[in-house]
Amino acid sequence: MNNCKYPLLILSVIFSLTACSLHHDDSGDLGGYWHLTGIDTLATSGHCDMSKVSVFWSVQGAILEARDVDKGEFVMFRYNHENGTLSLYDARYNNRDIGDEQITDVSVLQPYGINKLEESFTVEALSSSKMILRSDMLKLYFKKF
């Protein structure tokens, strides 16, 4: 019996666990779980209080997920955050059973404050506790959860 296989197996497991921890999430203050608490419509100066609605955005690594907790629905985006702009693109249904199908109907995104398949927001405020984003149509208010 070769006793060398056990130390190699242990080293293999340690290496695998270490490799997983090497992934670096550089999303900064944007990273985390955000509750959408309000939406302003810029054209009409209207305001919608969302504080009692369970709509959240979650940011980790290269993925931004928008989720309606009460309905059990959520969508995913790739995003780019630089120079005071947050750009969302490549919207997909988060459904592993059907292969994360790409979203082509923007009406699916509107409950999350997103009105274009490729939407850009000016980041008006971003801290460890609050975020304010402005698109050409809306201003979105978030509180870190």
N, C-alpha and C. Protein backbone atom coordinates (compact mmCIF):
# COMPACT_ATOMS: atom_id res chain seq x y z
N MET A 1 0.84 -1.18 0.00
CA MET A 1 0.00 0.00 0.00
C MET A 1 0.88 1.24 0.00
N ASN A 2 0.57 2.20 -0.86
CA ASN A 2 1.34 3.42 -0.98
C ASN A 2 0.78 4.48 -0.05
N ASN A 3 1.53 4.86 0.98
CA ASN A 3 1.08 5.85 1.95
C ASN A 3 1.21 7.27 1.45
N CYS A 4 1.84 7.47 0.32
CA CYS A 4 2.04 8.82 -0.21
C CYS A 4 0.76 9.45 -0.73
N LYS A 5 -0.23 8.64 -1.06
CA LYS A 5 -1.43 9.22 -1.66
C LYS A 5 -2.21 10.09 -0.67
N TYR A 6 -2.14 9.81 0.62
CA TYR A 6 -2.90 10.60 1.60
C TYR A 6 -2.34 12.01 1.76
N PRO A 7 -1.01 12.19 1.91
CA PRO A 7 -0.50 13.56 1.97
C PRO A 7 -0.79 14.34 0.68
N LEU A 8 -0.74 13.67 -0.45
CA LEU A 8 -1.04 14.36 -1.71
C LEU A 8 -2.51 14.76 -1.77
N LEU A 9 -3.37 13.90 -1.26
CA LEU A 9 -4.80 14.22 -1.22
C LEU A 9 -5.05 15.42 -0.31
N ILE A 10 -4.42 15.43 0.84
CA ILE A 10 -4.57 16.54 1.79
C ILE A 10 -4.05 17.83 1.16
N LEU A 11 -2.89 17.76 0.52
CA LEU A 11 -2.34 18.95 -0.15
C LEU A 11 -3.26 19.43 -1.26
N SER A 12 -3.85 18.51 -1.97
CA SER A 12 -4.78 18.87 -3.05
C SER A 12 -5.99 19.60 -2.50
N VAL A 13 -6.55 19.13 -1.39
CA VAL A 13 -7.70 19.78 -0.77
C VAL A 13 -7.31 21.16 -0.26
N ILE A 14 -6.17 21.27 0.40
CA ILE A 14 -5.70 22.57 0.91
C ILE A 14 -5.50 23.55 -0.25
N PHE A 15 -4.89 23.10 -1.33
CA PHE A 15 -4.68 23.97 -2.49
C PHE A 15 -6.00 24.43 -3.08
N SER A 16 -6.97 23.52 -3.17
CA SER A 16 -8.28 23.89 -3.72
C SER A 16 -8.96 24.95 -2.87
N LEU A 17 -8.91 24.78 -1.56
CA LEU A 17 -9.53 25.75 -0.66
C LEU A 17 -8.81 27.09 -0.72
N THR A 18 -7.50 27.07 -0.81
CA THR A 18 -6.72 28.30 -0.91
C THR A 18 -7.01 29.01 -2.22
N ALA A 19 -7.12 28.27 -3.31
CA ALA A 19 -7.40 28.88 -4.61
C ALA A 19 -8.74 29.58 -4.60
N CYS A 20 -9.73 28.99 -3.92
CA CYS A 20 -11.04 29.64 -3.83
C CYS A 20 -10.96 30.95 -3.09
N SER A 21 -10.11 31.05 -2.09
CA SER A 21 -10.02 32.27 -1.31
C SER A 21 -9.20 33.34 -2.01
N LEU A 22 -8.55 33.02 -3.12
CA LEU A 22 -7.75 34.00 -3.84
C LEU A 22 -8.60 34.94 -4.68
N HIS A 23 -9.89 34.59 -4.92
CA HIS A 23 -10.77 35.47 -5.68
C HIS A 23 -10.93 36.77 -4.93
N HIS A 24 -10.70 37.88 -5.61
CA HIS A 24 -10.76 39.19 -4.97
C HIS A 24 -11.98 39.95 -5.47
N ASP A 25 -12.82 40.38 -4.57
CA ASP A 25 -14.00 41.17 -4.90
C ASP A 25 -13.62 42.64 -4.74
N ASP A 26 -13.47 43.34 -5.84
CA ASP A 26 -13.06 44.74 -5.78
C ASP A 26 -14.22 45.70 -6.02
N SER A 27 -15.43 45.30 -5.60
CA SER A 27 -16.60 46.15 -5.80
C SER A 27 -16.66 47.30 -4.79
N GLY A 28 -15.79 47.31 -3.78
CA GLY A 28 -15.71 48.42 -2.83
C GLY A 28 -17.04 48.68 -2.13
N ASP A 29 -17.37 49.98 -1.94
CA ASP A 29 -18.62 50.34 -1.27
C ASP A 29 -19.85 49.87 -2.04
N LEU A 30 -19.71 49.65 -3.35
CA LEU A 30 -20.84 49.17 -4.14
C LEU A 30 -21.22 47.75 -3.75
N GLY A 31 -20.28 46.98 -3.28
CA GLY A 31 -20.53 45.59 -2.92
C GLY A 31 -21.47 45.46 -1.74
N GLY A 32 -22.33 44.47 -1.79
CA GLY A 32 -23.24 44.20 -0.68
C GLY A 32 -24.68 44.09 -1.11
N TYR A 33 -25.57 44.20 -0.14
CA TYR A 33 -27.00 43.99 -0.32
C TYR A 33 -27.71 45.32 -0.09
N TRP A 34 -28.36 45.86 -1.13
CA TRP A 34 -28.97 47.18 -1.11
C TRP A 34 -30.48 47.09 -1.21
N HIS A 35 -31.18 47.79 -0.32
CA HIS A 35 -32.65 47.88 -0.37
C HIS A 35 -33.03 49.13 -1.15
N LEU A 36 -33.82 48.96 -2.21
CA LEU A 36 -34.33 50.09 -2.98
C LEU A 36 -35.44 50.73 -2.16
N THR A 37 -35.19 51.94 -1.63
CA THR A 37 -36.13 52.58 -0.71
C THR A 37 -36.98 53.67 -1.35
N GLY A 38 -36.57 54.16 -2.52
CA GLY A 38 -37.35 55.21 -3.16
C GLY A 38 -36.96 55.39 -4.61
N ILE A 39 -37.94 55.87 -5.39
CA ILE A 39 -37.71 56.16 -6.81
C ILE A 39 -38.35 57.51 -7.11
N ASP A 40 -37.55 58.41 -7.67
CA ASP A 40 -38.06 59.68 -8.18
C ASP A 40 -38.16 59.59 -9.69
N THR A 41 -39.27 60.08 -10.24
CA THR A 41 -39.41 60.22 -11.68
C THR A 41 -38.98 61.63 -12.04
N LEU A 42 -37.91 61.78 -12.78
CA LEU A 42 -37.32 63.08 -13.04
C LEU A 42 -38.23 64.00 -13.85
N ALA A 43 -38.95 63.48 -14.82
CA ALA A 43 -39.79 64.31 -15.69
C ALA A 43 -40.96 64.95 -14.95
N THR A 44 -41.48 64.27 -13.93
CA THR A 44 -42.68 64.77 -13.23
C THR A 44 -42.40 65.18 -11.79
N SER A 45 -41.20 64.97 -11.32
CA SER A 45 -40.83 65.20 -9.91
C SER A 45 -41.65 64.33 -8.96
N GLY A 46 -42.19 63.23 -9.46
CA GLY A 46 -42.94 62.29 -8.63
C GLY A 46 -42.00 61.45 -7.79
N HIS A 47 -42.51 60.98 -6.66
CA HIS A 47 -41.72 60.12 -5.79
C HIS A 47 -42.53 58.88 -5.41
N CYS A 48 -41.90 57.74 -5.45
CA CYS A 48 -42.53 56.48 -5.04
C CYS A 48 -41.73 55.94 -3.85
N ASP A 49 -42.39 55.83 -2.71
CA ASP A 49 -41.78 55.27 -1.51
C ASP A 49 -41.73 53.75 -1.66
N MET A 50 -40.54 53.20 -1.68
CA MET A 50 -40.35 51.75 -1.85
C MET A 50 -39.90 51.09 -0.55
N SER A 51 -39.90 51.83 0.55
CA SER A 51 -39.33 51.32 1.79
C SER A 51 -40.05 50.09 2.34
N LYS A 52 -41.31 49.90 1.97
CA LYS A 52 -42.08 48.74 2.45
C LYS A 52 -42.11 47.61 1.42
N VAL A 53 -41.46 47.83 0.28
CA VAL A 53 -41.41 46.83 -0.79
C VAL A 53 -40.07 46.12 -0.72
N SER A 54 -40.06 44.82 -0.91
CA SER A 54 -38.83 44.03 -0.76
C SER A 54 -38.09 43.87 -2.09
N VAL A 55 -37.63 45.01 -2.64
CA VAL A 55 -36.80 45.00 -3.84
C VAL A 55 -35.38 45.33 -3.44
N PHE A 56 -34.46 44.46 -3.81
CA PHE A 56 -33.06 44.59 -3.42
C PHE A 56 -32.15 44.45 -4.63
N TRP A 57 -31.02 45.12 -4.56
CA TRP A 57 -29.92 44.89 -5.49
C TRP A 57 -28.78 44.31 -4.67
N SER A 58 -28.12 43.31 -5.22
CA SER A 58 -26.99 42.69 -4.55
C SER A 58 -25.80 42.72 -5.50
N VAL A 59 -24.66 43.17 -5.00
CA VAL A 59 -23.47 43.29 -5.82
C VAL A 59 -22.35 42.49 -5.19
N GLN A 60 -21.79 41.57 -5.98
CA GLN A 60 -20.63 40.81 -5.53
C GLN A 60 -19.82 40.43 -6.75
N GLY A 61 -18.54 40.72 -6.69
CA GLY A 61 -17.68 40.40 -7.82
C GLY A 61 -18.13 41.11 -9.07
N ALA A 62 -18.31 40.37 -10.15
CA ALA A 62 -18.67 40.95 -11.45
C ALA A 62 -20.17 40.91 -11.72
N ILE A 63 -20.97 40.52 -10.73
CA ILE A 63 -22.41 40.32 -10.95
C ILE A 63 -23.22 41.27 -10.05
N LEU A 64 -24.24 41.87 -10.63
CA LEU A 64 -25.25 42.63 -9.90
C LEU A 64 -26.56 41.89 -10.08
N GLU A 65 -27.22 41.61 -8.98
CA GLU A 65 -28.49 40.90 -9.02
C GLU A 65 -29.58 41.82 -8.48
N ALA A 66 -30.68 41.93 -9.21
CA ALA A 66 -31.86 42.67 -8.74
C ALA A 66 -32.92 41.64 -8.38
N ARG A 67 -33.51 41.80 -7.19
CA ARG A 67 -34.38 40.76 -6.65
C ARG A 67 -35.63 41.36 -6.02
N ASP A 68 -36.77 40.76 -6.33
CA ASP A 68 -38.02 41.05 -5.63
C ASP A 68 -38.26 39.87 -4.70
N VAL A 69 -37.96 40.06 -3.44
CA VAL A 69 -38.01 38.97 -2.47
C VAL A 69 -39.42 38.42 -2.33
N ASP A 70 -40.43 39.31 -2.29
CA ASP A 70 -41.81 38.85 -2.10
C ASP A 70 -42.30 37.99 -3.25
N LYS A 71 -41.91 38.33 -4.46
CA LYS A 71 -42.34 37.57 -5.64
C LYS A 71 -41.41 36.40 -5.94
N GLY A 72 -40.24 36.38 -5.33
CA GLY A 72 -39.28 35.32 -5.59
C GLY A 72 -38.68 35.41 -6.98
N GLU A 73 -38.63 36.62 -7.53
CA GLU A 73 -38.08 36.83 -8.87
C GLU A 73 -36.77 37.59 -8.76
N PHE A 74 -35.83 37.24 -9.63
CA PHE A 74 -34.60 38.01 -9.69
C PHE A 74 -33.93 37.87 -11.03
N VAL A 75 -33.17 38.92 -11.36
CA VAL A 75 -32.43 38.97 -12.62
C VAL A 75 -30.98 39.34 -12.31
N MET A 76 -30.10 39.01 -13.24
CA MET A 76 -28.68 39.27 -13.06
C MET A 76 -28.18 40.18 -14.18
N PHE A 77 -27.13 40.93 -13.85
CA PHE A 77 -26.46 41.79 -14.83
C PHE A 77 -24.96 41.66 -14.65
N ARG A 78 -24.26 41.92 -15.70
CA ARG A 78 -22.86 42.28 -15.58
C ARG A 78 -22.87 43.79 -15.39
N TYR A 79 -21.85 44.31 -14.77
CA TYR A 79 -21.82 45.75 -14.55
C TYR A 79 -20.41 46.29 -14.66
N ASN A 80 -20.35 47.60 -14.86
CA ASN A 80 -19.08 48.31 -14.87
C ASN A 80 -19.28 49.54 -13.99
N HIS A 81 -18.40 49.74 -13.03
CA HIS A 81 -18.49 50.89 -12.13
C HIS A 81 -17.17 51.63 -12.16
N GLU A 82 -17.19 52.78 -12.85
CA GLU A 82 -15.98 53.59 -12.90
C GLU A 82 -16.33 55.03 -13.26
N ASN A 83 -15.48 55.95 -12.82
CA ASN A 83 -15.62 57.37 -13.12
C ASN A 83 -17.00 57.92 -12.79
N GLY A 84 -17.56 57.49 -11.67
CA GLY A 84 -18.85 58.01 -11.23
C GLY A 84 -20.05 57.49 -12.00
N THR A 85 -19.86 56.41 -12.75
CA THR A 85 -20.95 55.83 -13.53
C THR A 85 -21.06 54.34 -13.23
N LEU A 86 -22.31 53.89 -13.10
CA LEU A 86 -22.60 52.46 -12.96
C LEU A 86 -23.37 52.04 -14.20
N SER A 87 -22.79 51.17 -15.00
CA SER A 87 -23.42 50.69 -16.23
C SER A 87 -23.81 49.23 -16.06
N LEU A 88 -25.07 48.93 -16.38
CA LEU A 88 -25.58 47.56 -16.31
C LEU A 88 -25.78 47.05 -17.73
N TYR A 89 -25.42 45.80 -17.97
CA TYR A 89 -25.58 45.20 -19.29
C TYR A 89 -25.67 43.69 -19.15
N ASP A 90 -26.01 43.02 -20.24
CA ASP A 90 -26.12 41.57 -20.28
C ASP A 90 -27.11 41.06 -19.23
N ALA A 91 -28.34 41.61 -19.26
CA ALA A 91 -29.38 41.21 -18.32
C ALA A 91 -29.83 39.78 -18.61
N ARG A 92 -29.95 38.99 -17.55
CA ARG A 92 -30.34 37.60 -17.70
C ARG A 92 -31.26 37.17 -16.57
N TYR A 93 -32.18 36.25 -16.89
CA TYR A 93 -32.96 35.60 -15.85
C TYR A 93 -32.02 34.74 -15.04
N ASN A 94 -32.15 34.76 -13.75
CA ASN A 94 -31.32 33.92 -12.90
C ASN A 94 -32.04 32.60 -12.70
N ASN A 95 -31.86 31.70 -13.66
CA ASN A 95 -32.54 30.41 -13.63
C ASN A 95 -31.62 29.36 -14.23
N ARG A 96 -30.92 28.65 -13.37
CA ARG A 96 -29.96 27.64 -13.83
C ARG A 96 -30.63 26.53 -14.64
N ASP A 97 -31.92 26.26 -14.36
CA ASP A 97 -32.62 25.18 -15.06
C ASP A 97 -32.79 25.46 -16.55
N ILE A 98 -32.91 26.74 -16.93
CA ILE A 98 -33.06 27.07 -18.36
C ILE A 98 -31.83 27.77 -18.91
N GLY A 99 -30.76 27.83 -18.12
CA GLY A 99 -29.49 28.33 -18.62
C GLY A 99 -29.33 29.84 -18.57
N ASP A 100 -29.93 30.52 -17.62
CA ASP A 100 -29.77 31.97 -17.47
C ASP A 100 -30.02 32.71 -18.78
N GLU A 101 -31.20 32.52 -19.31
CA GLU A 101 -31.60 33.09 -20.60
C GLU A 101 -31.50 34.62 -20.59
N GLN A 102 -31.01 35.18 -21.69
CA GLN A 102 -30.87 36.63 -21.81
C GLN A 102 -32.25 37.30 -21.85
N ILE A 103 -32.38 38.44 -21.19
CA ILE A 103 -33.63 39.20 -21.16
C ILE A 103 -33.68 40.12 -22.38
N THR A 104 -34.80 40.08 -23.08
CA THR A 104 -34.98 40.94 -24.26
C THR A 104 -36.14 41.91 -24.09
N ASP A 105 -36.94 41.73 -23.05
CA ASP A 105 -38.11 42.57 -22.79
C ASP A 105 -37.80 43.46 -21.58
N VAL A 106 -37.62 44.76 -21.83
CA VAL A 106 -37.22 45.68 -20.77
C VAL A 106 -38.28 45.81 -19.68
N SER A 107 -39.53 45.49 -19.96
CA SER A 107 -40.58 45.60 -18.94
C SER A 107 -40.30 44.69 -17.74
N VAL A 108 -39.55 43.63 -17.94
CA VAL A 108 -39.16 42.73 -16.86
C VAL A 108 -38.26 43.47 -15.84
N LEU A 109 -37.51 44.45 -16.32
CA LEU A 109 -36.53 45.15 -15.48
C LEU A 109 -37.11 46.37 -14.77
N GLN A 110 -38.22 46.89 -15.26
CA GLN A 110 -38.76 48.14 -14.73
C GLN A 110 -39.11 48.11 -13.25
N PRO A 111 -39.59 47.02 -12.68
CA PRO A 111 -39.85 47.01 -11.23
C PRO A 111 -38.60 47.24 -10.38
N TYR A 112 -37.42 47.10 -10.98
CA TYR A 112 -36.16 47.29 -10.26
C TYR A 112 -35.57 48.68 -10.51
N GLY A 113 -36.31 49.55 -11.22
CA GLY A 113 -35.83 50.89 -11.52
C GLY A 113 -34.93 50.96 -12.73
N ILE A 114 -35.03 49.95 -13.58
CA ILE A 114 -34.17 49.86 -14.77
C ILE A 114 -35.06 49.91 -16.00
N ASN A 115 -34.80 50.89 -16.89
CA ASN A 115 -35.68 51.11 -18.04
C ASN A 115 -35.04 50.85 -19.39
N LYS A 116 -33.84 50.31 -19.39
CA LYS A 116 -33.15 49.96 -20.64
C LYS A 116 -32.41 48.65 -20.44
N LEU A 117 -32.26 47.90 -21.51
CA LEU A 117 -31.50 46.65 -21.42
C LEU A 117 -30.04 46.92 -21.10
N GLU A 118 -29.53 48.06 -21.55
CA GLU A 118 -28.19 48.51 -21.18
C GLU A 118 -28.37 49.89 -20.56
N GLU A 119 -28.37 49.94 -19.25
CA GLU A 119 -28.69 51.17 -18.50
C GLU A 119 -27.44 51.72 -17.83
N SER A 120 -27.29 53.04 -17.88
CA SER A 120 -26.20 53.71 -17.18
C SER A 120 -26.76 54.68 -16.16
N PHE A 121 -26.15 54.68 -14.98
CA PHE A 121 -26.54 55.55 -13.89
C PHE A 121 -25.36 56.42 -13.49
N THR A 122 -25.64 57.68 -13.21
CA THR A 122 -24.66 58.52 -12.55
C THR A 122 -24.74 58.20 -11.07
N VAL A 123 -23.60 57.95 -10.45
CA VAL A 123 -23.56 57.65 -9.02
C VAL A 123 -23.49 58.99 -8.29
N GLU A 124 -24.63 59.42 -7.74
CA GLU A 124 -24.68 60.70 -7.03
C GLU A 124 -24.17 60.59 -5.61
N ALA A 125 -24.34 59.44 -5.00
CA ALA A 125 -23.84 59.20 -3.64
C ALA A 125 -23.57 57.71 -3.49
N LEU A 126 -22.47 57.39 -2.83
CA LEU A 126 -22.14 55.99 -2.55
C LEU A 126 -21.27 55.96 -1.31
N SER A 127 -21.79 55.32 -0.28
CA SER A 127 -21.02 55.14 0.95
C SER A 127 -21.27 53.71 1.44
N SER A 128 -20.79 53.42 2.61
CA SER A 128 -21.00 52.08 3.15
C SER A 128 -22.43 51.87 3.62
N SER A 129 -23.28 52.93 3.58
CA SER A 129 -24.65 52.77 4.06
C SER A 129 -25.73 53.27 3.10
N LYS A 130 -25.38 54.13 2.13
CA LYS A 130 -26.40 54.62 1.22
C LYS A 130 -25.85 54.79 -0.19
N MET A 131 -26.78 54.72 -1.15
CA MET A 131 -26.42 54.89 -2.55
C MET A 131 -27.56 55.63 -3.24
N ILE A 132 -27.22 56.59 -4.09
CA ILE A 132 -28.20 57.29 -4.92
C ILE A 132 -27.69 57.22 -6.36
N LEU A 133 -28.55 56.70 -7.24
CA LEU A 133 -28.22 56.55 -8.65
C LEU A 133 -29.21 57.35 -9.49
N ARG A 134 -28.72 57.98 -10.56
CA ARG A 134 -29.60 58.74 -11.45
C ARG A 134 -29.39 58.28 -12.89
N SER A 135 -30.51 57.89 -13.51
CA SER A 135 -30.49 57.59 -14.95
C SER A 135 -31.09 58.79 -15.66
N ASP A 136 -31.34 58.68 -16.95
CA ASP A 136 -31.95 59.80 -17.65
C ASP A 136 -33.43 59.95 -17.32
N MET A 137 -34.04 58.94 -16.67
CA MET A 137 -35.46 58.99 -16.32
C MET A 137 -35.75 58.98 -14.83
N LEU A 138 -34.90 58.33 -14.05
CA LEU A 138 -35.20 58.08 -12.64
C LEU A 138 -34.03 58.40 -11.74
N LYS A 139 -34.36 58.62 -10.47
CA LYS A 139 -33.36 58.67 -9.41
C LYS A 139 -33.74 57.58 -8.42
N LEU A 140 -32.78 56.72 -8.11
CA LEU A 140 -33.02 55.57 -7.23
C LEU A 140 -32.27 55.78 -5.91
N TYR A 141 -32.96 55.49 -4.81
CA TYR A 141 -32.38 55.64 -3.47
C TYR A 141 -32.27 54.26 -2.84
N PHE A 142 -31.10 53.98 -2.30
CA PHE A 142 -30.84 52.68 -1.69
C PHE A 142 -30.26 52.85 -0.29
N LYS A 143 -30.59 51.89 0.58
CA LYS A 143 -29.99 51.79 1.89
C LYS A 143 -29.33 50.43 1.99
N LYS A 144 -28.09 50.41 2.47
CA LYS A 144 -27.41 49.13 2.60
C LYS A 144 -28.08 48.32 3.69
N PHE A 145 -28.36 47.08 3.39
CA PHE A 145 -29.09 46.21 4.30
C PHE A 145 -28.13 45.38 5.10
